[in-house]
């Protein structure tokens, strides 16, 4: 290494050492979590500097997400698991044993949150509610993410994303009008419920720090799925209008706001303000549309949507999607219609450094970066099961003999 390289390395080390701490540094979250929705929510917080300690049952292989294939970095280390658990720690603990509950209570005594994404009837049975843990820490927030909530006729029901999409009406709104009901391609309810849980959990921490008193916070897949109906629900509840699927994924009332054909594929246009339609008309060489009786406003364009779609298809098929994107750039809200590979490999994703690369035991891992930009900090891969058990127990005051006893009795 020459002197110049050495000075660069020293400068980088100094910059890392002096970097401002992440905004959630000092927040401790004990997470009884597995699979997708719960771990996705706490990963948001871990990315922002919170210490997230996963509790995994040593009897059943820990987080079930470790075994979700078809792609693996190694045994118990799937791509799926890594997608939801970076920057966390892991401790093995059997919460069905009194000794395990005793360890949990000691953990809770110095934590901000005990979080779980269990079936609604299980937190009370396992002692994960505020009522069970407030003696250990009156300021503790107990956050619960379940399928249908912890009360009511479905508290003991298991539930999953696609079921919520079906029951909350999503499938009736997705796909072409003459096709079968269709779900979204992503587990959008899992992802949004995890994010909502993270928001609720942080609200609980703010309240507890202000008042000195914790509480239970509840979020469910079903409630989030229903809440996402937003203005669609308001239209029905107040005007009795239940919208249906529209052709080409179009907006129910605004147009042009849908898919259109280009020379080599598709483009999505969203002229959701009147001014954008005039700019679009100029860009595609149709200035006569501006102010015309058929297209002068949203009401008129909606009444003539089929005709406008045909005419836009004809005009847009004169160029490729990429060529039109260059024409519309910054003028007309537009997007190319990509598959997942094209989306992740796009020039804009590279420009914005939205893909992380960090080291794992088997080599480098590439993942999508946190959407919250809060400064550059090292990223750690998801932990091996129980990787931090001994260290965490030692910090809580357990000596070597006590840890050995817990291990011999299969508590850890």
Foldseek 3Di string as FASTA:
>chain_A
DDPVVVVVVVVVVVCQVPPDQFPQAPAEEEEAEAAFQQLQLVVLVLLRHYAYEYEFAPVPLGHPQLVDDDAALDRSGGPRVQQRFWNYHAAYFDLVDPVRVVVVLLVQLSHQEYEYADQLQVCVVSQQFCVSRCVSAQLHEYEYEYAPHNDDDCSRPHDAQVVLCVVLCVQQADDAPPDGRDHDPDSVLSNVQSNVSNVQSVVQSVVSVVVVGGHYHYTHSNVSSNVVCPVQVVCCVPVVDHDGYHPQRADPQFPPAGWAAAQVGIKGFDPPDQVLVCLVCVLLVNNVLDCDPQRPDSVSCVVVVVVVRVVVNVSRHVHDPVVVCVSCPPRTDMDDDDDPVCVCPDPVCVVVVQWDWDADPSGIDIHGRNPDDRDDHHMGTGDRHNPCHVVVVVVSPDDPVNVVVCVVVSRD
